[in-house]
Amino acid sequence: MSDKSLKLNNLQDILIDEFIHRIKSGNATPSDLNAARQMLKDNNISATVTNDNPMNDLVKILPFRDETDQVKKAYNE
C-alpha cells in the first residue's frame, strides 16, 4: 500500500471513530449525522429493516410517514 493510500485509510478510520464518539455521547449535530450518513452511503453500507434490529425502531418513530405509501418489508408480519 502506498503512503498516500495509508494516510487516506488512517484519515477515514479517524473520521469513523469521531462519528461514533459524537453519536454515542449524544453530542452529534445534525451536520455530523448527515456527514456520517453520507460516509455510509458513499461506501455502499445499507441496512435492512427487520423486526429485531434498531432500524425498525427508527422507522417506527419517524414523524414523516405517509400512511398511503406502500412500504416493502423484509419480514413476514
N, C-alpha and C. Protein backbone atom coordinates (compact mmCIF):
# COMPACT_ATOMS: atom_id res chain seq x y z
N MET A 1 0.84 -1.17 0.00
CA MET A 1 0.00 0.00 0.00
C MET A 1 0.89 1.24 0.00
N SER A 2 0.55 2.20 -0.84
CA SER A 2 1.35 3.42 -0.92
C SER A 2 1.15 4.28 0.33
N ASP A 3 2.06 5.20 0.53
CA ASP A 3 1.99 6.10 1.69
C ASP A 3 0.70 6.93 1.64
N LYS A 4 0.33 7.37 0.44
CA LYS A 4 -0.88 8.17 0.29
C LYS A 4 -2.12 7.34 0.65
N SER A 5 -2.18 6.10 0.18
CA SER A 5 -3.31 5.23 0.50
C SER A 5 -3.39 4.95 1.99
N LEU A 6 -2.26 4.75 2.61
CA LEU A 6 -2.22 4.50 4.05
C LEU A 6 -2.75 5.73 4.81
N LYS A 7 -2.34 6.91 4.39
CA LYS A 7 -2.81 8.14 5.03
C LYS A 7 -4.32 8.30 4.86
N LEU A 8 -4.83 8.02 3.67
CA LEU A 8 -6.28 8.13 3.43
C LEU A 8 -7.05 7.13 4.28
N ASN A 9 -6.53 5.92 4.39
CA ASN A 9 -7.18 4.91 5.24
C ASN A 9 -7.17 5.34 6.70
N ASN A 10 -6.04 5.90 7.16
CA ASN A 10 -5.95 6.37 8.54
C ASN A 10 -6.92 7.52 8.79
N LEU A 11 -7.04 8.43 7.83
CA LEU A 11 -7.97 9.54 7.97
C LEU A 11 -9.40 9.04 8.06
N GLN A 12 -9.75 8.07 7.23
CA GLN A 12 -11.09 7.51 7.28
C GLN A 12 -11.35 6.84 8.63
N ASP A 13 -10.37 6.13 9.15
CA ASP A 13 -10.52 5.50 10.46
C ASP A 13 -10.75 6.55 11.55
N ILE A 14 -10.01 7.65 11.48
CA ILE A 14 -10.16 8.72 12.46
C ILE A 14 -11.56 9.33 12.38
N LEU A 15 -12.03 9.58 11.16
CA LEU A 15 -13.37 10.15 10.97
C LEU A 15 -14.44 9.21 11.51
N ILE A 16 -14.33 7.94 11.21
CA ILE A 16 -15.31 6.97 11.70
C ILE A 16 -15.32 6.95 13.22
N ASP A 17 -14.14 6.91 13.83
CA ASP A 17 -14.06 6.91 15.29
C ASP A 17 -14.69 8.17 15.88
N GLU A 18 -14.47 9.32 15.24
CA GLU A 18 -15.03 10.58 15.73
C GLU A 18 -16.55 10.59 15.59
N PHE A 19 -17.07 10.10 14.47
CA PHE A 19 -18.53 10.00 14.30
C PHE A 19 -19.13 9.11 15.40
N ILE A 20 -18.53 7.98 15.62
CA ILE A 20 -19.03 7.05 16.64
C ILE A 20 -19.02 7.74 18.01
N HIS A 21 -17.94 8.40 18.35
CA HIS A 21 -17.83 9.09 19.64
C HIS A 21 -18.93 10.15 19.79
N ARG A 22 -19.09 10.98 18.79
CA ARG A 22 -20.08 12.06 18.88
C ARG A 22 -21.50 11.51 18.97
N ILE A 23 -21.80 10.49 18.19
CA ILE A 23 -23.15 9.92 18.19
C ILE A 23 -23.45 9.25 19.53
N LYS A 24 -22.51 8.42 20.02
CA LYS A 24 -22.73 7.73 21.29
C LYS A 24 -22.82 8.69 22.47
N SER A 25 -22.08 9.79 22.42
CA SER A 25 -22.09 10.75 23.53
C SER A 25 -23.34 11.62 23.52
N GLY A 26 -24.07 11.61 22.41
CA GLY A 26 -25.24 12.47 22.29
C GLY A 26 -24.91 13.88 21.86
N ASN A 27 -23.66 14.12 21.47
CA ASN A 27 -23.23 15.45 21.08
C ASN A 27 -23.17 15.66 19.57
N ALA A 28 -23.67 14.71 18.80
CA ALA A 28 -23.63 14.84 17.35
C ALA A 28 -24.63 15.90 16.90
N THR A 29 -24.18 16.79 16.05
CA THR A 29 -25.05 17.81 15.46
C THR A 29 -25.76 17.20 14.25
N PRO A 30 -26.79 17.87 13.75
CA PRO A 30 -27.40 17.39 12.51
C PRO A 30 -26.39 17.27 11.37
N SER A 31 -25.43 18.19 11.32
CA SER A 31 -24.39 18.12 10.28
C SER A 31 -23.51 16.88 10.46
N ASP A 32 -23.18 16.54 11.72
CA ASP A 32 -22.40 15.34 11.99
C ASP A 32 -23.15 14.09 11.51
N LEU A 33 -24.44 14.03 11.86
CA LEU A 33 -25.24 12.87 11.47
C LEU A 33 -25.35 12.76 9.96
N ASN A 34 -25.50 13.90 9.30
CA ASN A 34 -25.58 13.88 7.84
C ASN A 34 -24.26 13.44 7.22
N ALA A 35 -23.15 13.90 7.77
CA ALA A 35 -21.84 13.50 7.25
C ALA A 35 -21.61 12.01 7.47
N ALA A 36 -22.02 11.50 8.63
CA ALA A 36 -21.88 10.06 8.89
C ALA A 36 -22.76 9.26 7.93
N ARG A 37 -23.98 9.73 7.72
CA ARG A 37 -24.89 9.07 6.77
C ARG A 37 -24.29 9.05 5.37
N GLN A 38 -23.72 10.17 4.97
CA GLN A 38 -23.12 10.25 3.63
C GLN A 38 -21.92 9.33 3.50
N MET A 39 -21.12 9.22 4.57
CA MET A 39 -19.96 8.33 4.52
C MET A 39 -20.43 6.88 4.34
N LEU A 40 -21.49 6.51 5.06
CA LEU A 40 -22.03 5.15 4.90
C LEU A 40 -22.52 4.94 3.47
N LYS A 41 -23.25 5.91 2.96
CA LYS A 41 -23.78 5.82 1.59
C LYS A 41 -22.65 5.72 0.57
N ASP A 42 -21.64 6.55 0.72
CA ASP A 42 -20.52 6.56 -0.22
C ASP A 42 -19.75 5.24 -0.22
N ASN A 43 -19.84 4.51 0.89
CA ASN A 43 -19.15 3.24 1.00
C ASN A 43 -20.09 2.04 0.84
N ASN A 44 -21.26 2.32 0.27
CA ASN A 44 -22.26 1.28 -0.04
C ASN A 44 -22.69 0.47 1.17
N ILE A 45 -22.83 1.14 2.32
CA ILE A 45 -23.31 0.50 3.53
C ILE A 45 -24.81 0.74 3.61
N SER A 46 -25.57 -0.31 3.77
CA SER A 46 -27.02 -0.17 3.87
C SER A 46 -27.55 -1.10 4.96
N ALA A 47 -28.80 -0.91 5.31
CA ALA A 47 -29.41 -1.73 6.36
C ALA A 47 -30.77 -2.21 5.88
N THR A 48 -31.15 -3.36 6.35
CA THR A 48 -32.45 -3.93 6.06
C THR A 48 -33.29 -3.88 7.32
N VAL A 49 -34.53 -3.47 7.17
CA VAL A 49 -35.43 -3.39 8.31
C VAL A 49 -35.97 -4.79 8.62
N THR A 50 -35.78 -5.21 9.85
CA THR A 50 -36.36 -6.47 10.34
C THR A 50 -36.97 -6.20 11.71
N ASN A 51 -37.75 -7.13 12.19
CA ASN A 51 -38.40 -6.95 13.49
C ASN A 51 -37.42 -6.81 14.64
N ASP A 52 -36.25 -7.39 14.51
CA ASP A 52 -35.34 -7.46 15.65
C ASP A 52 -34.09 -6.61 15.50
N ASN A 53 -34.17 -5.51 14.74
CA ASN A 53 -33.00 -4.63 14.69
C ASN A 53 -33.39 -3.18 14.93
N PRO A 54 -32.44 -2.36 15.31
CA PRO A 54 -32.73 -0.96 15.64
C PRO A 54 -33.31 -0.15 14.49
N MET A 55 -33.06 -0.57 13.25
CA MET A 55 -33.60 0.16 12.11
C MET A 55 -35.14 0.18 12.17
N ASN A 56 -35.74 -0.91 12.60
CA ASN A 56 -37.19 -0.99 12.73
C ASN A 56 -37.69 0.02 13.77
N ASP A 57 -36.96 0.17 14.87
CA ASP A 57 -37.33 1.14 15.90
C ASP A 57 -37.27 2.56 15.34
N LEU A 58 -36.26 2.84 14.52
CA LEU A 58 -36.14 4.16 13.91
C LEU A 58 -37.30 4.43 12.96
N VAL A 59 -37.64 3.46 12.14
CA VAL A 59 -38.74 3.63 11.19
C VAL A 59 -40.05 3.94 11.93
N LYS A 60 -40.26 3.28 13.06
CA LYS A 60 -41.50 3.47 13.81
C LYS A 60 -41.65 4.88 14.38
N ILE A 61 -40.54 5.54 14.71
CA ILE A 61 -40.64 6.86 15.35
C ILE A 61 -40.49 8.03 14.39
N LEU A 62 -40.16 7.77 13.13
CA LEU A 62 -40.01 8.88 12.18
C LEU A 62 -41.35 9.59 12.00
N PRO A 63 -41.34 10.91 12.08
CA PRO A 63 -42.60 11.66 12.08
C PRO A 63 -43.19 11.93 10.71
N PHE A 64 -42.51 11.56 9.65
CA PHE A 64 -42.98 11.94 8.33
C PHE A 64 -43.43 10.76 7.49
N ARG A 65 -44.09 9.82 8.12
CA ARG A 65 -44.63 8.67 7.39
C ARG A 65 -45.97 9.03 6.77
N ASP A 66 -46.13 8.73 5.52
CA ASP A 66 -47.40 8.91 4.82
C ASP A 66 -48.06 7.54 4.77
N GLU A 67 -49.19 7.39 5.44
CA GLU A 67 -49.84 6.08 5.54
C GLU A 67 -50.29 5.55 4.18
N THR A 68 -50.33 6.40 3.15
CA THR A 68 -50.73 5.92 1.83
C THR A 68 -49.55 5.32 1.07
N ASP A 69 -48.33 5.56 1.57
CA ASP A 69 -47.14 4.97 0.93
C ASP A 69 -47.10 3.48 1.18
N GLN A 70 -46.70 2.74 0.18
CA GLN A 70 -46.51 1.32 0.34
C GLN A 70 -45.07 1.06 0.73
N VAL A 71 -44.88 0.35 1.82
CA VAL A 71 -43.53 0.03 2.30
C VAL A 71 -43.30 -1.45 2.11
N LYS A 72 -42.21 -1.78 1.44
CA LYS A 72 -41.84 -3.17 1.29
C LYS A 72 -41.11 -3.62 2.54
N LYS A 73 -41.53 -4.72 3.10
CA LYS A 73 -40.92 -5.22 4.31
C LYS A 73 -40.10 -6.45 4.02
N ALA A 74 -39.02 -6.61 4.77
CA ALA A 74 -38.12 -7.74 4.57
C ALA A 74 -38.47 -8.90 5.47
N TYR A 75 -39.61 -8.84 6.10
CA TYR A 75 -40.01 -9.89 7.02
C TYR A 75 -41.51 -10.10 6.92
N ASN A 76 -41.97 -11.22 7.40
CA ASN A 76 -43.39 -11.52 7.41
C ASN A 76 -44.01 -11.06 8.71
N GLU A 77 -45.15 -10.43 8.62
CA GLU A 77 -45.86 -9.99 9.84
C GLU A 77 -47.03 -10.88 10.07
